[in-house]
Amino acid sequence: MNYAEEVAARRRLLLLQLLIEDGGQGNDGTLLTALRTMGERQALDQAACRQLLRDLADRDCVVVGMVRDTVMVARITERGRMAVAGDVSIGGIASPFAGL
């Protein structure tokens, strides 16, 4: 995996963790702000955040939908919760135990 893929995998894990902290769902604007607050700034805009959420949906970790065609909302699935807990390993999502 190259550096860009490692960054994206870490961001996907962070998004799942943020969704759990926020009661299981959140919108792209709030999630983007939270990622930036956590230091994830380089090449991270609304389009990139939405792509990460679509990537998570492709991995059955979230369900995404649009509200009035302007706000993307994501809801974590049980598989996403399992990835955050480290109960399942999913390609493209960093391990919560990496670096331990």
PDB file of N, CA and C in Angstrom:
ATOM      1  N   MET A   1       0.848  -1.171   0.000  1.00  0.00           N
ATOM      2  CA  MET A   1       0.000   0.000   0.000  1.00  0.00           C
ATOM      3  C   MET A   1       0.895   1.236   0.000  1.00  0.00           C
ATOM      4  N   ASN A   2       0.583   2.203  -0.864  1.00  0.00           N
ATOM      5  CA  ASN A   2       1.381   3.429  -0.891  1.00  0.00           C
ATOM      6  C   ASN A   2       0.881   4.421   0.159  1.00  0.00           C
ATOM      7  N   TYR A   3       1.586   5.532   0.277  1.00  0.00           N
ATOM      8  CA  TYR A   3       1.277   6.509   1.325  1.00  0.00           C
ATOM      9  C   TYR A   3      -0.149   7.050   1.203  1.00  0.00           C
ATOM     10  N   ALA A   4      -0.569   7.402  -0.007  1.00  0.00           N
ATOM     11  CA  ALA A   4      -1.924   7.942  -0.204  1.00  0.00           C
ATOM     12  C   ALA A   4      -2.985   6.935   0.228  1.00  0.00           C
ATOM     13  N   GLU A   5      -2.746   5.658  -0.058  1.00  0.00           N
ATOM     14  CA  GLU A   5      -3.700   4.626   0.351  1.00  0.00           C
ATOM     15  C   GLU A   5      -3.719   4.461   1.866  1.00  0.00           C
ATOM     16  N   GLU A   6      -2.569   4.585   2.502  1.00  0.00           N
ATOM     17  CA  GLU A   6      -2.494   4.518   3.971  1.00  0.00           C
ATOM     18  C   GLU A   6      -3.266   5.675   4.612  1.00  0.00           C
ATOM     19  N   VAL A   7      -3.103   6.872   4.038  1.00  0.00           N
ATOM     20  CA  VAL A   7      -3.822   8.045   4.549  1.00  0.00           C
ATOM     21  C   VAL A   7      -5.322   7.833   4.408  1.00  0.00           C
ATOM     22  N   ALA A   8      -5.769   7.369   3.258  1.00  0.00           N
ATOM     23  CA  ALA A   8      -7.198   7.141   3.031  1.00  0.00           C
ATOM     24  C   ALA A   8      -7.740   6.072   3.975  1.00  0.00           C
ATOM     25  N   ALA A   9      -6.981   5.004   4.205  1.00  0.00           N
ATOM     26  CA  ALA A   9      -7.416   3.940   5.115  1.00  0.00           C
ATOM     27  C   ALA A   9      -7.565   4.471   6.539  1.00  0.00           C
ATOM     28  N   ARG A  10      -6.620   5.311   6.961  1.00  0.00           N
ATOM     29  CA  ARG A  10      -6.698   5.906   8.305  1.00  0.00           C
ATOM     30  C   ARG A  10      -7.912   6.833   8.400  1.00  0.00           C
ATOM     31  N   ARG A  11      -8.158   7.615   7.363  1.00  0.00           N
ATOM     32  CA  ARG A  11      -9.308   8.527   7.369  1.00  0.00           C
ATOM     33  C   ARG A  11     -10.621   7.759   7.416  1.00  0.00           C
ATOM     34  N   ARG A  12     -10.698   6.627   6.739  1.00  0.00           N
ATOM     35  CA  ARG A  12     -11.921   5.820   6.794  1.00  0.00           C
ATOM     36  C   ARG A  12     -12.162   5.324   8.212  1.00  0.00           C
ATOM     37  N   LEU A  13     -11.103   4.862   8.878  1.00  0.00           N
ATOM     38  CA  LEU A  13     -11.243   4.427  10.269  1.00  0.00           C
ATOM     39  C   LEU A  13     -11.690   5.593  11.149  1.00  0.00           C
ATOM     40  N   LEU A  14     -11.079   6.747  10.976  1.00  0.00           N
ATOM     41  CA  LEU A  14     -11.462   7.919  11.767  1.00  0.00           C
ATOM     42  C   LEU A  14     -12.922   8.277  11.554  1.00  0.00           C
ATOM     43  N   LEU A  15     -13.390   8.207  10.308  1.00  0.00           N
ATOM     44  CA  LEU A  15     -14.799   8.507  10.037  1.00  0.00           C
ATOM     45  C   LEU A  15     -15.713   7.536  10.785  1.00  0.00           C
ATOM     46  N   LEU A  16     -15.370   6.268  10.776  1.00  0.00           N
ATOM     47  CA  LEU A  16     -16.181   5.298  11.516  1.00  0.00           C
ATOM     48  C   LEU A  16     -16.167   5.591  13.012  1.00  0.00           C
ATOM     49  N   GLN A  17     -15.014   5.930  13.546  1.00  0.00           N
ATOM     50  CA  GLN A  17     -14.919   6.267  14.965  1.00  0.00           C
ATOM     51  C   GLN A  17     -15.753   7.506  15.291  1.00  0.00           C
ATOM     52  N   LEU A  18     -15.707   8.495  14.416  1.00  0.00           N
ATOM     53  CA  LEU A  18     -16.500   9.707  14.626  1.00  0.00           C
ATOM     54  C   LEU A  18     -17.997   9.409  14.590  1.00  0.00           C
ATOM     55  N   LEU A  19     -18.403   8.545  13.681  1.00  0.00           N
ATOM     56  CA  LEU A  19     -19.825   8.192  13.616  1.00  0.00           C
ATOM     57  C   LEU A  19     -20.280   7.524  14.911  1.00  0.00           C
ATOM     58  N   ILE A  20     -19.459   6.654  15.457  1.00  0.00           N
ATOM     59  CA  ILE A  20     -19.811   6.009  16.730  1.00  0.00           C
ATOM     60  C   ILE A  20     -19.926   7.058  17.838  1.00  0.00           C
ATOM     61  N   GLU A  21     -18.971   7.980  17.888  1.00  0.00           N
ATOM     62  CA  GLU A  21     -19.005   9.032  18.915  1.00  0.00           C
ATOM     63  C   GLU A  21     -20.240   9.906  18.792  1.00  0.00           C
ATOM     64  N   ASP A  22     -20.757  10.048  17.568  1.00  0.00           N
ATOM     65  CA  ASP A  22     -21.892  10.938  17.330  1.00  0.00           C
ATOM     66  C   ASP A  22     -23.219  10.182  17.292  1.00  0.00           C
ATOM     67  N   GLY A  23     -23.287   9.048  17.952  1.00  0.00           N
ATOM     68  CA  GLY A  23     -24.550   8.330  18.047  1.00  0.00           C
ATOM     69  C   GLY A  23     -24.862   7.441  16.857  1.00  0.00           C
ATOM     70  N   GLY A  24     -23.906   7.237  15.987  1.00  0.00           N
ATOM     71  CA  GLY A  24     -24.103   6.306  14.883  1.00  0.00           C
ATOM     72  C   GLY A  24     -24.348   6.930  13.536  1.00  0.00           C
ATOM     73  N   GLN A  25     -24.543   8.244  13.500  1.00  0.00           N
ATOM     74  CA  GLN A  25     -24.739   8.888  12.206  1.00  0.00           C
ATOM     75  C   GLN A  25     -24.231  10.319  12.233  1.00  0.00           C
ATOM     76  N   GLY A  26     -23.991  10.846  11.044  1.00  0.00           N
ATOM     77  CA  GLY A  26     -23.508  12.219  10.932  1.00  0.00           C
ATOM     78  C   GLY A  26     -23.566  12.677   9.492  1.00  0.00           C
ATOM     79  N   ASN A  27     -23.386  13.981   9.307  1.00  0.00           N
ATOM     80  CA  ASN A  27     -23.402  14.506   7.940  1.00  0.00           C
ATOM     81  C   ASN A  27     -21.994  14.865   7.496  1.00  0.00           C
ATOM     82  N   ASP A  28     -21.835  14.993   6.198  1.00  0.00           N
ATOM     83  CA  ASP A  28     -20.508  15.197   5.627  1.00  0.00           C
ATOM     84  C   ASP A  28     -19.842  16.480   6.125  1.00  0.00           C
ATOM     85  N   GLY A  29     -20.596  17.517   6.362  1.00  0.00           N
ATOM     86  CA  GLY A  29     -20.013  18.777   6.836  1.00  0.00           C
ATOM     87  C   GLY A  29     -19.430  18.654   8.228  1.00  0.00           C
ATOM     88  N   THR A  30     -20.172  18.033   9.117  1.00  0.00           N
ATOM     89  CA  THR A  30     -19.704  17.841  10.484  1.00  0.00           C
ATOM     90  C   THR A  30     -18.512  16.891  10.519  1.00  0.00           C
ATOM     91  N   LEU A  31     -18.596  15.828   9.749  1.00  0.00           N
ATOM     92  CA  LEU A  31     -17.493  14.864   9.711  1.00  0.00           C
ATOM     93  C   LEU A  31     -16.228  15.487   9.121  1.00  0.00           C
ATOM     94  N   LEU A  32     -16.386  16.296   8.094  1.00  0.00           N
ATOM     95  CA  LEU A  32     -15.239  16.978   7.485  1.00  0.00           C
ATOM     96  C   LEU A  32     -14.577  17.910   8.491  1.00  0.00           C
ATOM     97  N   THR A  33     -15.366  18.681   9.208  1.00  0.00           N
ATOM     98  CA  THR A  33     -14.831  19.586  10.222  1.00  0.00           C
ATOM     99  C   THR A  33     -14.081  18.806  11.304  1.00  0.00           C
ATOM    100  N   ALA A  34     -14.655  17.701  11.730  1.00  0.00           N
ATOM    101  CA  ALA A  34     -14.013  16.883  12.766  1.00  0.00           C
ATOM    102  C   ALA A  34     -12.685  16.305  12.269  1.00  0.00           C
ATOM    103  N   LEU A  35     -12.657  15.810  11.035  1.00  0.00           N
ATOM    104  CA  LEU A  35     -11.407  15.282  10.482  1.00  0.00           C
ATOM    105  C   LEU A  35     -10.337  16.370  10.424  1.00  0.00           C
ATOM    106  N   ARG A  36     -10.721  17.546  10.000  1.00  0.00           N
ATOM    107  CA  ARG A  36      -9.756  18.652   9.925  1.00  0.00           C
ATOM    108  C   ARG A  36      -9.254  19.023  11.311  1.00  0.00           C
ATOM    109  N   THR A  37     -10.130  19.005  12.306  1.00  0.00           N
ATOM    110  CA  THR A  37      -9.742  19.293  13.682  1.00  0.00           C
ATOM    111  C   THR A  37      -8.736  18.270  14.189  1.00  0.00           C
ATOM    112  N   MET A  38      -8.840  17.051  13.674  1.00  0.00           N
ATOM    113  CA  MET A  38      -7.940  15.974  14.076  1.00  0.00           C
ATOM    114  C   MET A  38      -6.624  16.010  13.304  1.00  0.00           C
ATOM    115  N   GLY A  39      -6.438  17.043  12.476  1.00  0.00           N
ATOM    116  CA  GLY A  39      -5.179  17.199  11.751  1.00  0.00           C
ATOM    117  C   GLY A  39      -5.196  16.662  10.335  1.00  0.00           C
ATOM    118  N   GLU A  40      -6.309  16.137   9.895  1.00  0.00           N
ATOM    119  CA  GLU A  40      -6.432  15.611   8.533  1.00  0.00           C
ATOM    120  C   GLU A  40      -6.850  16.760   7.614  1.00  0.00           C
ATOM    121  N   ARG A  41      -5.881  17.465   7.076  1.00  0.00           N
ATOM    122  CA  ARG A  41      -6.194  18.650   6.276  1.00  0.00           C
ATOM    123  C   ARG A  41      -5.768  18.539   4.827  1.00  0.00           C
ATOM    124  N   GLN A  42      -4.657  17.911   4.564  1.00  0.00           N
ATOM    125  CA  GLN A  42      -4.111  17.904   3.215  1.00  0.00           C
ATOM    126  C   GLN A  42      -5.039  17.174   2.244  1.00  0.00           C
ATOM    127  N   ALA A  43      -5.394  17.858   1.161  1.00  0.00           N
ATOM    128  CA  ALA A  43      -6.239  17.303   0.100  1.00  0.00           C
ATOM    129  C   ALA A  43      -7.558  16.756   0.646  1.00  0.00           C
ATOM    130  N   LEU A  44      -8.102  17.410   1.666  1.00  0.00           N
ATOM    131  CA  LEU A  44      -9.364  16.966   2.241  1.00  0.00           C
ATOM    132  C   LEU A  44     -10.394  18.085   2.137  1.00  0.00           C
ATOM    133  N   ASP A  45     -11.317  17.922   1.210  1.00  0.00           N
ATOM    134  CA  ASP A  45     -12.418  18.857   1.043  1.00  0.00           C
ATOM    135  C   ASP A  45     -13.717  18.056   1.064  1.00  0.00           C
ATOM    136  N   GLN A  46     -14.824  18.724   0.790  1.00  0.00           N
ATOM    137  CA  GLN A  46     -16.115  18.046   0.850  1.00  0.00           C
ATOM    138  C   GLN A  46     -16.185  16.875  -0.127  1.00  0.00           C
ATOM    139  N   ALA A  47     -15.677  17.052  -1.332  1.00  0.00           N
ATOM    140  CA  ALA A  47     -15.711  15.976  -2.324  1.00  0.00           C
ATOM    141  C   ALA A  47     -14.901  14.770  -1.847  1.00  0.00           C
ATOM    142  N   ALA A  48     -13.738  15.013  -1.254  1.00  0.00           N
ATOM    143  CA  ALA A  48     -12.904  13.919  -0.757  1.00  0.00           C
ATOM    144  C   ALA A  48     -13.581  13.207   0.413  1.00  0.00           C
ATOM    145  N   CYS A  49     -14.205  13.958   1.301  1.00  0.00           N
ATOM    146  CA  CYS A  49     -14.905  13.373   2.440  1.00  0.00           C
ATOM    147  C   CYS A  49     -16.063  12.501   1.946  1.00  0.00           C
ATOM    148  N   ARG A  50     -16.805  13.006   0.977  1.00  0.00           N
ATOM    149  CA  ARG A  50     -17.914  12.228   0.427  1.00  0.00           C
ATOM    150  C   ARG A  50     -17.416  10.956  -0.251  1.00  0.00           C
ATOM    151  N   GLN A  51     -16.272  11.035  -0.916  1.00  0.00           N
ATOM    152  CA  GLN A  51     -15.726   9.838  -1.555  1.00  0.00           C
ATOM    153  C   GLN A  51     -15.332   8.797  -0.515  1.00  0.00           C
ATOM    154  N   LEU A  52     -14.743   9.252   0.591  1.00  0.00           N
ATOM    155  CA  LEU A  52     -14.401   8.326   1.677  1.00  0.00           C
ATOM    156  C   LEU A  52     -15.658   7.655   2.232  1.00  0.00           C
ATOM    157  N   LEU A  53     -16.735   8.417   2.374  1.00  0.00           N
ATOM    158  CA  LEU A  53     -17.989   7.845   2.864  1.00  0.00           C
ATOM    159  C   LEU A  53     -18.566   6.852   1.851  1.00  0.00           C
ATOM    160  N   ARG A  54     -18.475   7.156   0.554  1.00  0.00           N
ATOM    161  CA  ARG A  54     -18.925   6.202  -0.466  1.00  0.00           C
ATOM    162  C   ARG A  54     -18.071   4.934  -0.437  1.00  0.00           C
ATOM    163  N   ASP A  55     -16.760   5.106  -0.205  1.00  0.00           N
ATOM    164  CA  ASP A  55     -15.872   3.944  -0.084  1.00  0.00           C
ATOM    165  C   ASP A  55     -16.303   3.060   1.087  1.00  0.00           C
ATOM    166  N   LEU A  56     -16.662   3.690   2.192  1.00  0.00           N
ATOM    167  CA  LEU A  56     -17.131   2.933   3.355  1.00  0.00           C
ATOM    168  C   LEU A  56     -18.460   2.240   3.056  1.00  0.00           C
ATOM    169  N   ALA A  57     -19.313   2.896   2.286  1.00  0.00           N
ATOM    170  CA  ALA A  57     -20.583   2.277   1.893  1.00  0.00           C
ATOM    171  C   ALA A  57     -20.324   1.060   1.003  1.00  0.00           C
ATOM    172  N   ASP A  58     -19.347   1.167   0.109  1.00  0.00           N
ATOM    173  CA  ASP A  58     -18.986   0.033  -0.758  1.00  0.00           C
ATOM    174  C   ASP A  58     -18.489  -1.153   0.056  1.00  0.00           C
ATOM    175  N   ARG A  59     -17.953  -0.887   1.234  1.00  0.00           N
ATOM    176  CA  ARG A  59     -17.438  -1.944   2.120  1.00  0.00           C
ATOM    177  C   ARG A  59     -18.492  -2.372   3.150  1.00  0.00           C
ATOM    178  N   ASP A  60     -19.731  -1.898   2.973  1.00  0.00           N
ATOM    179  CA  ASP A  60     -20.852  -2.214   3.866  1.00  0.00           C
ATOM    180  C   ASP A  60     -20.615  -1.775   5.303  1.00  0.00           C
ATOM    181  N   CYS A  61     -19.859  -0.689   5.483  1.00  0.00           N
ATOM    182  CA  CYS A  61     -19.584  -0.166   6.823  1.00  0.00           C
ATOM    183  C   CYS A  61     -20.489   1.001   7.182  1.00  0.00           C
ATOM    184  N   VAL A  62     -21.052   1.654   6.186  1.00  0.00           N
ATOM    185  CA  VAL A  62     -22.011   2.732   6.404  1.00  0.00           C
ATOM    186  C   VAL A  62     -23.092   2.648   5.337  1.00  0.00           C
ATOM    187  N   VAL A  63     -24.195   3.301   5.623  1.00  0.00           N
ATOM    188  CA  VAL A  63     -25.249   3.531   4.643  1.00  0.00           C
ATOM    189  C   VAL A  63     -25.288   5.028   4.443  1.00  0.00           C
ATOM    190  N   VAL A  64     -25.222   5.472   3.194  1.00  0.00           N
ATOM    191  CA  VAL A  64     -25.241   6.910   2.919  1.00  0.00           C
ATOM    192  C   VAL A  64     -26.496   7.288   2.152  1.00  0.00           C
ATOM    193  N   GLY A  65     -26.895   8.526   2.359  1.00  0.00           N
ATOM    194  CA  GLY A  65     -28.035   9.086   1.648  1.00  0.00           C
ATOM    195  C   GLY A  65     -27.854  10.586   1.520  1.00  0.00           C
ATOM    196  N   MET A  66     -28.611  11.159   0.636  1.00  0.00           N
ATOM    197  CA  MET A  66     -28.554  12.609   0.429  1.00  0.00           C
ATOM    198  C   MET A  66     -29.837  13.243   0.951  1.00  0.00           C
ATOM    199  N   VAL A  67     -29.683  14.397   1.571  1.00  0.00           N
ATOM    200  CA  VAL A  67     -30.816  15.187   2.033  1.00  0.00           C
ATOM    201  C   VAL A  67     -30.897  16.414   1.141  1.00  0.00           C
ATOM    202  N   ARG A  68     -31.996  16.545   0.445  1.00  0.00           N
ATOM    203  CA  ARG A  68     -32.231  17.674  -0.476  1.00  0.00           C
ATOM    204  C   ARG A  68     -31.086  17.874  -1.463  1.00  0.00           C
ATOM    205  N   ASP A  69     -30.434  16.807  -1.838  1.00  0.00           N
ATOM    206  CA  ASP A  69     -29.335  16.839  -2.811  1.00  0.00           C
ATOM    207  C   ASP A  69     -28.187  17.766  -2.418  1.00  0.00           C
ATOM    208  N   THR A  70     -28.083  18.094  -1.139  1.00  0.00           N
ATOM    209  CA  THR A  70     -27.014  18.997  -0.711  1.00  0.00           C
ATOM    210  C   THR A  70     -26.167  18.457   0.431  1.00  0.00           C
ATOM    211  N   VAL A  71     -26.742  17.615   1.271  1.00  0.00           N
ATOM    212  CA  VAL A  71     -26.032  17.107   2.445  1.00  0.00           C
ATOM    213  C   VAL A  71     -26.004  15.587   2.386  1.00  0.00           C
ATOM    214  N   MET A  72     -24.804  15.030   2.509  1.00  0.00           N
ATOM    215  CA  MET A  72     -24.678  13.579   2.574  1.00  0.00           C
ATOM    216  C   MET A  72     -24.712  13.163   4.042  1.00  0.00           C
ATOM    217  N   VAL A  73     -25.551  12.191   4.334  1.00  0.00           N
ATOM    218  CA  VAL A  73     -25.683  11.672   5.692  1.00  0.00           C
ATOM    219  C   VAL A  73     -25.223  10.214   5.686  1.00  0.00           C
ATOM    220  N   ALA A  74     -24.428   9.853   6.683  1.00  0.00           N
ATOM    221  CA  ALA A  74     -23.928   8.486   6.807  1.00  0.00           C
ATOM    222  C   ALA A  74     -24.385   7.897   8.135  1.00  0.00           C
ATOM    223  N   ARG A  75     -24.754   6.623   8.075  1.00  0.00           N
ATOM    224  CA  ARG A  75     -25.138   5.878   9.271  1.00  0.00           C
ATOM    225  C   ARG A  75     -24.281   4.621   9.323  1.00  0.00           C
ATOM    226  N   ILE A  76     -23.625   4.396  10.449  1.00  0.00           N
ATOM    227  CA  ILE A  76     -22.729   3.249  10.581  1.00  0.00           C
ATOM    228  C   ILE A  76     -23.532   1.947  10.670  1.00  0.00           C
ATOM    229  N   THR A  77     -22.979   0.894  10.103  1.00  0.00           N
ATOM    230  CA  THR A  77     -23.595  -0.427  10.158  1.00  0.00           C
ATOM    231  C   THR A  77     -22.887  -1.269  11.220  1.00  0.00           C
ATOM    232  N   GLU A  78     -23.415  -2.442  11.462  1.00  0.00           N
ATOM    233  CA  GLU A  78     -22.781  -3.345  12.419  1.00  0.00           C
ATOM    234  C   GLU A  78     -21.381  -3.728  11.937  1.00  0.00           C
ATOM    235  N   ARG A  79     -21.223  -3.913  10.639  1.00  0.00           N
ATOM    236  CA  ARG A  79     -19.896  -4.239  10.090  1.00  0.00           C
ATOM    237  C   ARG A  79     -18.917  -3.096  10.354  1.00  0.00           C
ATOM    238  N   GLY A  80     -19.375  -1.854  10.243  1.00  0.00           N
ATOM    239  CA  GLY A  80     -18.531  -0.702  10.542  1.00  0.00           C
ATOM    240  C   GLY A  80     -18.137  -0.669  12.006  1.00  0.00           C
ATOM    241  N   ARG A  81     -19.072  -0.984  12.876  1.00  0.00           N
ATOM    242  CA  ARG A  81     -18.769  -1.047  14.318  1.00  0.00           C
ATOM    243  C   ARG A  81     -17.746  -2.134  14.611  1.00  0.00           C
ATOM    244  N   MET A  82     -17.870  -3.251  13.918  1.00  0.00           N
ATOM    245  CA  MET A  82     -16.928  -4.354  14.110  1.00  0.00           C
ATOM    246  C   MET A  82     -15.527  -3.959  13.646  1.00  0.00           C
ATOM    247  N   ALA A  83     -15.443  -3.182  12.567  1.00  0.00           N
ATOM    248  CA  ALA A  83     -14.136  -2.718  12.072  1.00  0.00           C
ATOM    249  C   ALA A  83     -13.473  -1.809  13.103  1.00  0.00           C
ATOM    250  N   VAL A  84     -14.242  -0.931  13.720  1.00  0.00           N
ATOM    251  CA  VAL A  84     -13.695  -0.017  14.726  1.00  0.00           C
ATOM    252  C   VAL A  84     -13.227  -0.793  15.957  1.00  0.00           C
ATOM    253  N   ALA A  85     -13.960  -1.827  16.310  1.00  0.00           N
ATOM    254  CA  ALA A  85     -13.594  -2.634  17.478  1.00  0.00           C
ATOM    255  C   ALA A  85     -12.424  -3.569  17.193  1.00  0.00           C
ATOM    256  N   GLY A  86     -12.097  -3.733  15.915  1.00  0.00           N
ATOM    257  CA  GLY A  86     -11.022  -4.643  15.553  1.00  0.00           C
ATOM    258  C   GLY A  86     -11.476  -6.087  15.470  1.00  0.00           C
ATOM    259  N   ASP A  87     -12.792  -6.299  15.439  1.00  0.00           N
ATOM    260  CA  ASP A  87     -13.338  -7.656  15.363  1.00  0.00           C
ATOM    261  C   ASP A  87     -13.296  -8.223  13.948  1.00  0.00           C
ATOM    262  N   VAL A  88     -13.132  -7.343  12.959  1.00  0.00           N
ATOM    263  CA  VAL A  88     -13.046  -7.755  11.572  1.00  0.00           C
ATOM    264  C   VAL A  88     -12.030  -6.865  10.866  1.00  0.00           C
ATOM    265  N   SER A  89     -11.272  -7.450   9.967  1.00  0.00           N
ATOM    266  CA  SER A  89     -10.316  -6.695   9.185  1.00  0.00           C
ATOM    267  C   SER A  89     -10.894  -6.474   7.794  1.00  0.00           C
ATOM    268  N   ILE A  90     -10.942  -5.221   7.360  1.00  0.00           N
ATOM    269  CA  ILE A  90     -11.542  -4.871   6.075  1.00  0.00           C
ATOM    270  C   ILE A  90     -10.504  -4.113   5.257  1.00  0.00           C
ATOM    271  N   GLY A  91     -10.240  -4.584   4.060  1.00  0.00           N
ATOM    272  CA  GLY A  91      -9.287  -3.920   3.189  1.00  0.00           C
ATOM    273  C   GLY A  91      -9.666  -2.467   2.966  1.00  0.00           C
ATOM    274  N   GLY A  92      -8.670  -1.583   3.024  1.00  0.00           N
ATOM    275  CA  GLY A  92      -8.912  -0.162   2.815  1.00  0.00           C
ATOM    276  C   GLY A  92      -9.304   0.608   4.048  1.00  0.00           C
ATOM    277  N   ILE A  93      -9.387  -0.086   5.185  1.00  0.00           N
ATOM    278  CA  ILE A  93      -9.687   0.565   6.466  1.00  0.00           C
ATOM    279  C   ILE A  93      -8.558   0.198   7.424  1.00  0.00           C
ATOM    280  N   ALA A  94      -7.930   1.200   7.989  1.00  0.00           N
ATOM    281  CA  ALA A  94      -6.810   0.962   8.903  1.00  0.00           C
ATOM    282  C   ALA A  94      -7.264   0.172  10.112  1.00  0.00           C
ATOM    283  N   SER A  95      -6.360  -0.597  10.657  1.00  0.00           N
ATOM    284  CA  SER A  95      -6.643  -1.330  11.880  1.00  0.00           C
ATOM    285  C   SER A  95      -6.640  -0.364  13.054  1.00  0.00           C
ATOM    286  N   PRO A  96      -7.589  -0.529  13.982  1.00  0.00           N
ATOM    287  CA  PRO A  96      -7.563   0.334  15.169  1.00  0.00           C
ATOM    288  C   PRO A  96      -6.378   0.025  16.075  1.00  0.00           C
ATOM    289  N   PHE A  97      -5.679  -1.064  15.806  1.00  0.00           N
ATOM    290  CA  PHE A  97      -4.546  -1.466  16.617  1.00  0.00           C
ATOM    291  C   PHE A  97      -3.205  -1.138  15.973  1.00  0.00           C
ATOM    292  N   ALA A  98      -3.215  -0.481  14.818  1.00  0.00           N
ATOM    293  CA  ALA A  98      -1.972  -0.149  14.131  1.00  0.00           C
ATOM    294  C   ALA A  98      -1.086   0.715  15.015  1.00  0.00           C
ATOM    295  N   GLY A  99       0.157   0.360  15.108  1.00  0.00           N
ATOM    296  CA  GLY A  99       1.107   1.156  15.890  1.00  0.00           C
ATOM    297  C   GLY A  99       1.161   0.793  17.359  1.00  0.00           C
ATOM    298  N   LEU A 100       0.358  -0.165  17.787  1.00  0.00           N
ATOM    299  CA  LEU A 100       0.369  -0.562  19.203  1.00  0.00           C
ATOM    300  C   LEU A 100       1.408  -1.620  19.444  1.00  0.00           C
TER     301      LEU A 100
END
